[in-house]
Amino acid sequence: MKTLTITLHNTDNCGSSLQAFALQHYLLKNGIENQIIDYVPAYTKNNARPFRSFMRNLVFFKDYRKKEKKFSNFISKYLILTTKKWTSYEDLKANPPIADCYITGSDQLWNTMYSCGNDPAFYLFFTNRTKIAYAISMGRDKIPLKNIDLIKKYANDFKWISFREQSSVFQLCSTLNCDLDYVCDPVLLNPIKDYDCI
């Protein structure tokens, strides 16, 4: 079975990089073919604050370049990405990669306080094939109605959805037409020895 995962894999955030590695590593280790969709919209590089990011990078140029190189090396060494790269939802929808099953997660991909939570790509809205969400985090105990409405709009055709917070399962169980579960972060799916090598 071929699976494709979409997540925040190419940011300057250690948690995002590690969860991307962990989920893919777990799938591959269990005989499930997987690639991460190389989806990198502009807002992932400037945290949706272009001026602030520009100033920070200007002031801390050397440190920023050093950090950027470390993340780039991690991605090329430990993540298996699609050969094509997408930078916008429109491009992804017009020319989507093909798989038997699509996975979104983990991270705060559906939290509308961040740009990714408003991006249909992270709800797998570009495909009609089998979709699942693993360990999505809403990042807060109470999900605002606007956020719930967006999840209903984009994620109502999922086969299975799981959250990292039990409160999200309780709030969304009567809203979505699929099975919902409370699961651990993908980093906890693998034993410590699997991280020693990286």
Protein backbone atom coordinates (compact mmCIF):
# COMPACT_ATOMS: atom_id res chain seq x y z
CA MET A 1 0.00 0.00 0.00
CA LYS A 2 1.36 3.41 -0.97
CA THR A 3 0.76 6.20 1.51
CA LEU A 4 1.56 9.89 1.34
CA THR A 5 1.82 12.12 4.39
CA ILE A 6 1.36 15.87 4.51
CA THR A 7 2.76 17.70 7.50
CA LEU A 8 4.96 20.61 8.53
CA HIS A 9 8.25 18.89 7.71
CA ASN A 10 10.28 21.82 6.40
CA THR A 11 10.28 24.49 9.10
CA ASP A 12 12.92 25.65 11.56
CA ASN A 13 11.14 23.86 14.40
CA CYS A 14 12.66 20.77 16.03
CA GLY A 15 9.28 19.38 17.12
CA SER A 16 7.87 19.56 13.59
CA SER A 17 10.92 17.87 12.07
CA LEU A 18 10.95 15.12 14.69
CA GLN A 19 7.23 14.27 14.41
CA ALA A 20 7.55 14.11 10.60
CA PHE A 21 10.46 11.69 10.92
CA ALA A 22 8.73 9.63 13.64
CA LEU A 23 5.51 8.96 11.74
CA GLN A 24 7.29 8.10 8.51
CA HIS A 25 9.81 5.90 10.33
CA TYR A 26 7.01 4.00 12.08
CA LEU A 27 5.12 3.42 8.81
CA LEU A 28 8.21 2.23 6.93
CA LYS A 29 9.29 0.01 9.81
CA ASN A 30 5.87 -1.69 9.62
CA GLY A 31 6.07 -2.34 5.88
CA ILE A 32 3.92 0.59 4.70
CA GLU A 33 5.37 2.50 1.77
CA ASN A 34 5.43 6.22 2.57
CA GLN A 35 6.64 9.52 1.25
CA ILE A 36 6.10 12.98 2.70
CA ILE A 37 4.47 15.38 0.27
CA ASP A 38 7.04 18.14 -0.21
CA TYR A 39 4.51 20.91 0.38
CA VAL A 40 6.20 24.12 1.52
CA PRO A 41 3.98 27.21 1.24
CA ALA A 42 5.67 30.57 1.84
CA TYR A 43 4.09 31.04 5.28
CA THR A 44 6.03 28.03 6.66
CA LYS A 45 9.27 29.88 6.01
CA ASN A 46 8.30 33.23 7.52
CA ASN A 47 5.78 32.13 10.17
CA ALA A 48 3.20 34.30 8.35
CA ARG A 49 5.19 37.35 9.48
CA PRO A 50 7.41 38.24 6.52
CA PHE A 51 8.77 41.56 7.86
CA ARG A 52 9.59 40.19 11.31
CA SER A 53 11.27 37.13 9.78
CA PHE A 54 13.25 39.32 7.38
CA MET A 55 14.53 41.52 10.23
CA ARG A 56 15.38 38.53 12.41
CA ASN A 57 17.26 36.87 9.56
CA LEU A 58 19.10 40.10 8.79
CA VAL A 59 20.22 40.67 12.38
CA PHE A 60 21.06 37.02 13.05
CA PHE A 61 22.13 36.15 9.50
CA LYS A 62 25.05 33.83 10.39
CA ASP A 63 23.13 31.97 13.08
CA TYR A 64 20.07 31.70 10.83
CA ARG A 65 22.06 30.26 7.92
CA LYS A 66 23.75 27.74 10.24
CA LYS A 67 20.39 26.66 11.68
CA GLU A 68 18.82 26.48 8.20
CA LYS A 69 21.65 24.23 7.01
CA LYS A 70 21.18 21.84 9.94
CA PHE A 71 17.46 21.46 9.20
CA SER A 72 18.14 21.04 5.49
CA ASN A 73 20.69 18.29 6.23
CA PHE A 74 18.23 16.53 8.55
CA ILE A 75 15.53 16.55 5.85
CA SER A 76 17.81 15.23 3.11
CA LYS A 77 19.31 12.54 5.35
CA TYR A 78 16.28 11.26 7.28
CA LEU A 79 13.05 12.09 5.39
CA ILE A 80 11.78 10.53 2.17
CA LEU A 81 10.00 13.24 0.21
CA THR A 82 8.11 13.29 -3.07
CA THR A 83 10.33 14.26 -6.00
CA LYS A 84 7.99 17.14 -6.85
CA LYS A 85 7.68 20.16 -4.56
CA TRP A 86 4.51 22.22 -4.18
CA THR A 87 4.35 25.76 -2.82
CA SER A 88 0.62 26.49 -3.01
CA TYR A 89 -2.65 24.67 -2.47
CA GLU A 90 -3.78 25.60 -5.99
CA ASP A 91 -0.70 23.90 -7.47
CA LEU A 92 -1.21 20.82 -5.27
CA LYS A 93 -4.88 20.56 -6.24
CA ALA A 94 -4.11 20.97 -9.96
CA ASN A 95 -1.40 18.29 -9.92
CA PRO A 96 -1.79 16.06 -6.85
CA PRO A 97 0.52 13.13 -6.09
CA ILE A 98 -1.17 9.72 -6.27
CA ALA A 99 -1.43 7.23 -3.40
CA ASP A 100 -3.76 4.57 -2.02
CA CYS A 101 -4.11 6.45 1.27
CA TYR A 102 -3.31 9.99 2.37
CA ILE A 103 -2.30 10.90 5.92
CA THR A 104 -2.30 14.32 7.54
CA GLY A 105 -0.57 14.82 10.86
CA SER A 106 0.59 15.25 13.40
CA ASP A 107 1.41 18.76 14.67
CA GLN A 108 -1.10 21.63 15.02
CA LEU A 109 -2.17 21.36 11.40
CA TRP A 110 -5.85 22.16 12.03
CA ASN A 111 -5.33 24.95 14.56
CA THR A 112 -6.71 28.08 12.87
CA MET A 113 -4.50 30.30 15.03
CA TYR A 114 -1.79 29.28 12.53
CA SER A 115 -1.81 29.62 8.74
CA CYS A 116 -1.68 25.85 8.27
CA GLY A 117 -5.02 25.51 10.10
CA ASN A 118 -6.67 27.57 7.36
CA ASP A 119 -4.96 25.78 4.48
CA PRO A 120 -7.13 23.15 2.70
CA ALA A 121 -3.98 21.18 1.82
CA PHE A 122 -3.56 20.03 5.43
CA TYR A 123 -7.15 18.74 5.38
CA LEU A 124 -6.25 16.71 2.25
CA PHE A 125 -8.92 18.62 0.34
CA PHE A 126 -7.01 18.08 -2.92
CA THR A 127 -7.97 14.38 -3.16
CA ASN A 128 -11.06 12.15 -2.97
CA ARG A 129 -9.14 8.99 -2.08
CA THR A 130 -8.88 7.41 1.39
CA LYS A 131 -7.89 10.00 4.01
CA ILE A 132 -6.84 9.64 7.63
CA ALA A 133 -5.53 12.08 10.23
CA TYR A 134 -3.00 10.93 12.78
CA ALA A 135 -2.47 12.75 16.10
CA ILE A 136 -3.72 16.13 14.96
CA SER A 137 -3.28 18.68 17.72
CA MET A 138 -5.66 21.58 18.15
CA GLY A 139 -3.25 23.24 20.57
CA ARG A 140 -5.98 24.23 23.02
CA ASP A 141 -8.65 22.70 25.23
CA LYS A 142 -11.64 24.55 23.78
CA ILE A 143 -11.96 24.63 20.00
CA PRO A 144 -13.62 27.85 18.71
CA LEU A 145 -16.78 27.41 16.62
CA LYS A 146 -15.09 28.96 13.58
CA ASN A 147 -12.40 26.28 13.80
CA ILE A 148 -15.00 23.50 14.18
CA ASP A 149 -16.88 24.80 11.11
CA LEU A 150 -13.69 24.69 9.05
CA ILE A 151 -12.99 21.10 10.14
CA LYS A 152 -16.58 20.14 9.21
CA LYS A 153 -16.16 21.76 5.81
CA TYR A 154 -12.82 20.18 4.93
CA ALA A 155 -12.60 16.91 6.90
CA ASN A 156 -16.06 15.38 6.70
CA ASP A 157 -15.01 12.64 4.26
CA PHE A 158 -12.15 11.19 6.33
CA LYS A 159 -12.04 7.47 7.05
CA TRP A 160 -10.43 7.96 10.47
CA ILE A 161 -9.31 10.95 12.53
CA SER A 162 -7.23 10.90 15.69
CA PHE A 163 -6.22 13.72 18.00
CA ARG A 164 -3.46 14.24 20.53
CA GLU A 165 -5.92 15.87 22.93
CA GLN A 166 -8.85 13.97 24.40
CA SER A 167 -10.79 17.24 24.64
CA SER A 168 -10.75 17.49 20.82
CA VAL A 169 -12.30 14.01 20.50
CA PHE A 170 -15.10 14.98 22.92
CA GLN A 171 -15.82 18.26 21.12
CA LEU A 172 -15.82 16.81 17.60
CA CYS A 173 -17.33 13.33 18.08
CA SER A 174 -20.85 14.48 17.23
CA THR A 175 -19.68 16.76 14.42
CA LEU A 176 -17.77 14.45 12.08
CA ASN A 177 -19.02 11.36 10.21
CA CYS A 178 -16.06 9.09 10.97
CA ASP A 179 -14.30 7.28 13.80
CA LEU A 180 -12.38 9.55 16.17
CA ASP A 181 -9.66 8.44 18.55
CA TYR A 182 -7.27 9.85 21.14
CA VAL A 183 -3.67 8.80 20.37
CA CYS A 184 -0.09 9.60 21.30
CA ASP A 185 2.28 11.85 19.41
CA PRO A 186 4.06 9.83 16.67
CA VAL A 187 7.40 10.39 18.41
CA LEU A 188 6.14 8.00 21.11
CA LEU A 189 5.40 5.24 18.58
CA ASN A 190 9.08 4.38 18.24
CA PRO A 191 11.50 3.06 20.89
CA ILE A 192 14.40 5.23 22.07
CA LYS A 193 16.94 3.14 20.13
CA ASP A 194 15.33 4.30 16.85
CA TYR A 195 16.31 7.87 17.72
CA ASP A 196 19.86 7.04 18.82
CA CYS A 197 20.84 6.65 15.16
CA ILE A 198 19.87 10.24 14.36
